[in-house]
Amino acid sequence: MMNGMFRRAGCLLAALCFLPAGHGVAAEQRSPVRKGGVVTTRATGAFEVKVEPQPAEEKSGGAAIGRLSLDKQFHGDLEAGSRGQMLAASTATPGSAGYVAIELVTGTLRGRSGTFVLQHSGTMTRGAPQLSVTVVPDSGTGELTGLAGKMTIRITEGKHFYEFEYTLPESGG
């Protein structure tokens, strides 16, 4: 029973990450916009993700809750690894589910090194996905102190891509 729930959670993650606007990440690079010492820009690239089922609660009342570990490798403007945890719930209604996740990202963003935390919140209502991936406020460390932003995730032909719109104070160098 739980294997089916984990399979549905994996499908939920894939469905929520797929955003219908486009086929992959556009190659366009926006120039950074500077306002009062803060740089607003976009980072793009690809990533791989490993999702491992963890012990979970049993199904109750038509809903099942599962817990999964996340292990990602980002490439492109964000060269980093991340580790995180995901909680997912599927319902008795086909195509309706939700998940939340937290992941700690460690690496470099356009050459600036440090860590930051991403918070995911996703729902799928009878097949219609909605996903928000946001930098947890004040979670940036090192050269990423002050980082804020939102990430968009797309899956095209089984490959994962990200677009990361973010602000970051100018470096002091």
C-alpha atoms as a PDB file:
ATOM      1  CA  MET A   1       0.000   0.000   0.000  1.00  0.00           C
ATOM      2  CA  MET A   2       2.756   2.478   0.908  1.00  0.00           C
ATOM      3  CA  ASN A   3       4.709   1.750  -2.302  1.00  0.00           C
ATOM      4  CA  GLY A   4       1.731   2.975  -4.306  1.00  0.00           C
ATOM      5  CA  MET A   5       1.553   6.101  -2.166  1.00  0.00           C
ATOM      6  CA  PHE A   6       5.263   6.804  -2.742  1.00  0.00           C
ATOM      7  CA  ARG A   7       4.786   6.244  -6.481  1.00  0.00           C
ATOM      8  CA  ARG A   8       1.911   8.764  -6.401  1.00  0.00           C
ATOM      9  CA  ALA A   9       4.082  11.203  -4.408  1.00  0.00           C
ATOM     10  CA  GLY A  10       6.824  10.911  -7.050  1.00  0.00           C
ATOM     11  CA  CYS A  11       4.245  11.514  -9.780  1.00  0.00           C
ATOM     12  CA  LEU A  12       2.920  14.477  -7.792  1.00  0.00           C
ATOM     13  CA  LEU A  13       6.399  15.961  -7.549  1.00  0.00           C
ATOM     14  CA  ALA A  14       6.899  15.546 -11.296  1.00  0.00           C
ATOM     15  CA  ALA A  15       3.478  16.984 -12.118  1.00  0.00           C
ATOM     16  CA  LEU A  16       3.877  19.963  -9.802  1.00  0.00           C
ATOM     17  CA  CYS A  17       7.306  20.734 -11.180  1.00  0.00           C
ATOM     18  CA  PHE A  18       6.053  20.768 -14.751  1.00  0.00           C
ATOM     19  CA  LEU A  19       4.867  24.223 -15.701  1.00  0.00           C
ATOM     20  CA  PRO A  20       3.047  24.290 -19.050  1.00  0.00           C
ATOM     21  CA  ALA A  21       4.493  27.632 -20.219  1.00  0.00           C
ATOM     22  CA  GLY A  22       7.235  26.517 -22.594  1.00  0.00           C
ATOM     23  CA  HIS A  23       9.478  23.583 -23.324  1.00  0.00           C
ATOM     24  CA  GLY A  24      12.486  23.904 -21.034  1.00  0.00           C
ATOM     25  CA  VAL A  25      14.485  26.928 -20.026  1.00  0.00           C
ATOM     26  CA  ALA A  26      14.920  29.778 -22.441  1.00  0.00           C
ATOM     27  CA  ALA A  27      18.513  30.587 -23.296  1.00  0.00           C
ATOM     28  CA  GLU A  28      17.873  34.322 -22.811  1.00  0.00           C
ATOM     29  CA  GLN A  29      19.936  35.955 -20.063  1.00  0.00           C
ATOM     30  CA  ARG A  30      18.617  39.146 -18.532  1.00  0.00           C
ATOM     31  CA  SER A  31      21.057  41.829 -17.521  1.00  0.00           C
ATOM     32  CA  PRO A  32      21.134  42.443 -13.787  1.00  0.00           C
ATOM     33  CA  VAL A  33      19.012  45.367 -12.578  1.00  0.00           C
ATOM     34  CA  ARG A  34      20.587  47.463  -9.808  1.00  0.00           C
ATOM     35  CA  LYS A  35      18.443  49.339  -7.293  1.00  0.00           C
ATOM     36  CA  GLY A  36      19.954  50.776  -4.122  1.00  0.00           C
ATOM     37  CA  GLY A  37      22.850  48.309  -3.854  1.00  0.00           C
ATOM     38  CA  VAL A  38      20.685  45.239  -4.544  1.00  0.00           C
ATOM     39  CA  VAL A  39      21.106  43.260  -7.763  1.00  0.00           C
ATOM     40  CA  THR A  40      18.046  41.587  -9.302  1.00  0.00           C
ATOM     41  CA  THR A  41      18.861  38.918 -11.863  1.00  0.00           C
ATOM     42  CA  ARG A  42      17.990  35.463 -13.169  1.00  0.00           C
ATOM     43  CA  ALA A  43      19.986  32.255 -12.956  1.00  0.00           C
ATOM     44  CA  THR A  44      19.207  29.247 -15.136  1.00  0.00           C
ATOM     45  CA  GLY A  45      20.381  25.687 -15.495  1.00  0.00           C
ATOM     46  CA  ALA A  46      19.574  22.028 -15.029  1.00  0.00           C
ATOM     47  CA  PHE A  47      19.508  19.721 -12.031  1.00  0.00           C
ATOM     48  CA  GLU A  48      19.246  16.071 -11.107  1.00  0.00           C
ATOM     49  CA  VAL A  49      17.171  14.914  -8.159  1.00  0.00           C
ATOM     50  CA  LYS A  50      17.102  11.661  -6.194  1.00  0.00           C
ATOM     51  CA  VAL A  51      13.963  11.027  -4.141  1.00  0.00           C
ATOM     52  CA  GLU A  52      14.083   8.290  -1.489  1.00  0.00           C
ATOM     53  CA  PRO A  53      10.991   7.131   0.451  1.00  0.00           C
ATOM     54  CA  GLN A  54      11.288   7.382   4.241  1.00  0.00           C
ATOM     55  CA  PRO A  55       9.117   5.741   6.933  1.00  0.00           C
ATOM     56  CA  ALA A  56       5.635   7.215   6.695  1.00  0.00           C
ATOM     57  CA  GLU A  57       2.263   7.257   8.354  1.00  0.00           C
ATOM     58  CA  GLU A  58      -0.388   4.825   7.191  1.00  0.00           C
ATOM     59  CA  LYS A  59      -3.303   5.828   4.993  1.00  0.00           C
ATOM     60  CA  SER A  60      -6.324   7.131   6.886  1.00  0.00           C
ATOM     61  CA  GLY A  61      -9.673   8.526   5.787  1.00  0.00           C
ATOM     62  CA  GLY A  62      -8.886   8.492   2.062  1.00  0.00           C
ATOM     63  CA  ALA A  63      -5.604  10.424   2.392  1.00  0.00           C
ATOM     64  CA  ALA A  64      -2.055   9.087   2.582  1.00  0.00           C
ATOM     65  CA  ILE A  65       0.939  11.028   3.935  1.00  0.00           C
ATOM     66  CA  GLY A  66       4.445  10.122   2.839  1.00  0.00           C
ATOM     67  CA  ARG A  67       7.902  11.417   3.709  1.00  0.00           C
ATOM     68  CA  LEU A  68      10.765  11.483   1.207  1.00  0.00           C
ATOM     69  CA  SER A  69      14.396  12.626   1.278  1.00  0.00           C
ATOM     70  CA  LEU A  70      15.666  14.855  -1.523  1.00  0.00           C
ATOM     71  CA  ASP A  71      19.209  14.948  -2.883  1.00  0.00           C
ATOM     72  CA  LYS A  72      19.854  17.388  -5.766  1.00  0.00           C
ATOM     73  CA  GLN A  73      22.772  18.518  -7.898  1.00  0.00           C
ATOM     74  CA  PHE A  74      22.321  21.908  -9.609  1.00  0.00           C
ATOM     75  CA  HIS A  75      24.305  22.920 -12.708  1.00  0.00           C
ATOM     76  CA  GLY A  76      24.553  26.168 -14.651  1.00  0.00           C
ATOM     77  CA  ASP A  77      24.470  29.533 -12.925  1.00  0.00           C
ATOM     78  CA  LEU A  78      23.834  27.680  -9.648  1.00  0.00           C
ATOM     79  CA  GLU A  79      26.558  25.070  -9.076  1.00  0.00           C
ATOM     80  CA  ALA A  80      25.412  23.419  -5.874  1.00  0.00           C
ATOM     81  CA  GLY A  81      24.157  20.390  -4.043  1.00  0.00           C
ATOM     82  CA  SER A  82      21.145  20.245  -1.777  1.00  0.00           C
ATOM     83  CA  ARG A  83      19.634  17.902   0.757  1.00  0.00           C
ATOM     84  CA  GLY A  84      16.090  18.133   2.002  1.00  0.00           C
ATOM     85  CA  GLN A  85      12.897  16.542   3.240  1.00  0.00           C
ATOM     86  CA  MET A  86       9.494  16.396   1.573  1.00  0.00           C
ATOM     87  CA  LEU A  87       6.085  15.589   3.026  1.00  0.00           C
ATOM     88  CA  ALA A  88       3.453  14.620   0.466  1.00  0.00           C
ATOM     89  CA  ALA A  89      -0.220  13.808   0.770  1.00  0.00           C
ATOM     90  CA  SER A  90      -2.314  12.085  -1.852  1.00  0.00           C
ATOM     91  CA  THR A  91      -6.086  11.852  -1.721  1.00  0.00           C
ATOM     92  CA  ALA A  92      -8.713   9.419  -2.935  1.00  0.00           C
ATOM     93  CA  THR A  93      -9.498  11.861  -5.770  1.00  0.00           C
ATOM     94  CA  PRO A  94      -7.273  11.134  -8.775  1.00  0.00           C
ATOM     95  CA  GLY A  95      -4.943  14.048  -9.521  1.00  0.00           C
ATOM     96  CA  SER A  96      -5.425  15.829  -6.183  1.00  0.00           C
ATOM     97  CA  ALA A  97      -2.509  16.000  -3.774  1.00  0.00           C
ATOM     98  CA  GLY A  98      -0.053  18.327  -2.084  1.00  0.00           C
ATOM     99  CA  TYR A  99       3.498  18.559  -0.848  1.00  0.00           C
ATOM    100  CA  VAL A 100       5.800  20.742   1.202  1.00  0.00           C
ATOM    101  CA  ALA A 101       9.581  20.513   1.266  1.00  0.00           C
ATOM    102  CA  ILE A 102      12.613  22.237   2.736  1.00  0.00           C
ATOM    103  CA  GLU A 103      16.078  21.897   1.216  1.00  0.00           C
ATOM    104  CA  LEU A 104      19.469  23.301   2.228  1.00  0.00           C
ATOM    105  CA  VAL A 105      21.442  24.393  -0.850  1.00  0.00           C
ATOM    106  CA  THR A 106      25.255  24.581  -0.605  1.00  0.00           C
ATOM    107  CA  GLY A 107      27.457  25.869  -3.431  1.00  0.00           C
ATOM    108  CA  THR A 108      27.961  28.878  -5.674  1.00  0.00           C
ATOM    109  CA  LEU A 109      25.490  31.189  -7.386  1.00  0.00           C
ATOM    110  CA  ARG A 110      27.219  32.941 -10.274  1.00  0.00           C
ATOM    111  CA  GLY A 111      30.549  32.558  -8.469  1.00  0.00           C
ATOM    112  CA  ARG A 112      29.347  33.656  -5.020  1.00  0.00           C
ATOM    113  CA  SER A 113      29.588  30.867  -2.443  1.00  0.00           C
ATOM    114  CA  GLY A 114      27.442  30.069   0.564  1.00  0.00           C
ATOM    115  CA  THR A 115      24.266  28.310   1.587  1.00  0.00           C
ATOM    116  CA  PHE A 116      20.552  29.099   1.559  1.00  0.00           C
ATOM    117  CA  VAL A 117      17.279  27.317   2.208  1.00  0.00           C
ATOM    118  CA  LEU A 118      14.489  26.733  -0.340  1.00  0.00           C
ATOM    119  CA  GLN A 119      10.903  26.191   0.787  1.00  0.00           C
ATOM    120  CA  HIS A 120       8.484  24.356  -1.554  1.00  0.00           C
ATOM    121  CA  SER A 121       4.694  24.385  -1.397  1.00  0.00           C
ATOM    122  CA  GLY A 122       2.778  22.556  -4.097  1.00  0.00           C
ATOM    123  CA  THR A 123      -0.772  21.432  -4.728  1.00  0.00           C
ATOM    124  CA  MET A 124      -2.496  19.633  -7.534  1.00  0.00           C
ATOM    125  CA  THR A 125      -6.250  19.996  -7.888  1.00  0.00           C
ATOM    126  CA  ARG A 126      -7.622  17.235 -10.146  1.00  0.00           C
ATOM    127  CA  GLY A 127      -4.496  17.474 -12.297  1.00  0.00           C
ATOM    128  CA  ALA A 128      -3.991  21.269 -12.250  1.00  0.00           C
ATOM    129  CA  PRO A 129      -0.617  22.004 -10.588  1.00  0.00           C
ATOM    130  CA  GLN A 130       0.411  25.030  -8.542  1.00  0.00           C
ATOM    131  CA  LEU A 131       3.949  25.343  -7.138  1.00  0.00           C
ATOM    132  CA  SER A 132       5.871  27.936  -5.133  1.00  0.00           C
ATOM    133  CA  VAL A 133       9.605  27.570  -4.397  1.00  0.00           C
ATOM    134  CA  THR A 134      10.958  30.469  -2.331  1.00  0.00           C
ATOM    135  CA  VAL A 135      14.205  31.333  -0.560  1.00  0.00           C
ATOM    136  CA  VAL A 136      13.580  31.311   3.201  1.00  0.00           C
ATOM    137  CA  PRO A 137      14.173  34.898   4.385  1.00  0.00           C
ATOM    138  CA  ASP A 138      17.595  35.521   5.972  1.00  0.00           C
ATOM    139  CA  SER A 139      18.770  31.949   5.258  1.00  0.00           C
ATOM    140  CA  GLY A 140      21.686  32.992   3.041  1.00  0.00           C
ATOM    141  CA  THR A 141      25.221  32.609   4.406  1.00  0.00           C
ATOM    142  CA  GLY A 142      28.708  33.563   3.224  1.00  0.00           C
ATOM    143  CA  GLU A 143      28.641  35.526  -0.024  1.00  0.00           C
ATOM    144  CA  LEU A 144      24.916  34.686  -0.352  1.00  0.00           C
ATOM    145  CA  THR A 145      23.942  36.637   2.778  1.00  0.00           C
ATOM    146  CA  GLY A 146      20.884  38.744   1.939  1.00  0.00           C
ATOM    147  CA  LEU A 147      19.727  36.423  -0.873  1.00  0.00           C
ATOM    148  CA  ALA A 148      15.992  36.516  -1.655  1.00  0.00           C
ATOM    149  CA  GLY A 149      14.080  35.043  -4.555  1.00  0.00           C
ATOM    150  CA  LYS A 150      11.801  32.504  -6.176  1.00  0.00           C
ATOM    151  CA  MET A 151      12.597  29.466  -8.278  1.00  0.00           C
ATOM    152  CA  THR A 152      10.590  28.005 -11.136  1.00  0.00           C
ATOM    153  CA  ILE A 153      11.099  24.325 -11.928  1.00  0.00           C
ATOM    154  CA  ARG A 154      10.314  22.695 -15.279  1.00  0.00           C
ATOM    155  CA  ILE A 155      10.588  19.137 -16.503  1.00  0.00           C
ATOM    156  CA  THR A 156      11.084  18.662 -20.239  1.00  0.00           C
ATOM    157  CA  GLU A 157      11.536  15.209 -21.751  1.00  0.00           C
ATOM    158  CA  GLY A 158      12.396  13.817 -18.313  1.00  0.00           C
ATOM    159  CA  LYS A 159      15.083  16.451 -17.590  1.00  0.00           C
ATOM    160  CA  HIS A 160      14.792  19.005 -14.765  1.00  0.00           C
ATOM    161  CA  PHE A 161      15.490  22.722 -15.279  1.00  0.00           C
ATOM    162  CA  TYR A 162      15.321  25.759 -13.010  1.00  0.00           C
ATOM    163  CA  GLU A 163      14.915  29.501 -13.447  1.00  0.00           C
ATOM    164  CA  PHE A 164      15.855  31.437 -10.326  1.00  0.00           C
ATOM    165  CA  GLU A 165      14.803  35.102 -10.068  1.00  0.00           C
ATOM    166  CA  TYR A 166      16.693  36.570  -7.138  1.00  0.00           C
ATOM    167  CA  THR A 167      18.021  39.658  -5.441  1.00  0.00           C
ATOM    168  CA  LEU A 168      21.385  39.847  -3.743  1.00  0.00           C
ATOM    169  CA  PRO A 169      23.246  42.800  -2.233  1.00  0.00           C
ATOM    170  CA  GLU A 170      26.261  43.850  -4.289  1.00  0.00           C
ATOM    171  CA  SER A 171      29.512  42.271  -3.179  1.00  0.00           C
ATOM    172  CA  GLY A 172      31.794  44.498  -1.167  1.00  0.00           C
ATOM    173  CA  GLY A 173      34.873  43.751  -3.283  1.00  0.00           C
END
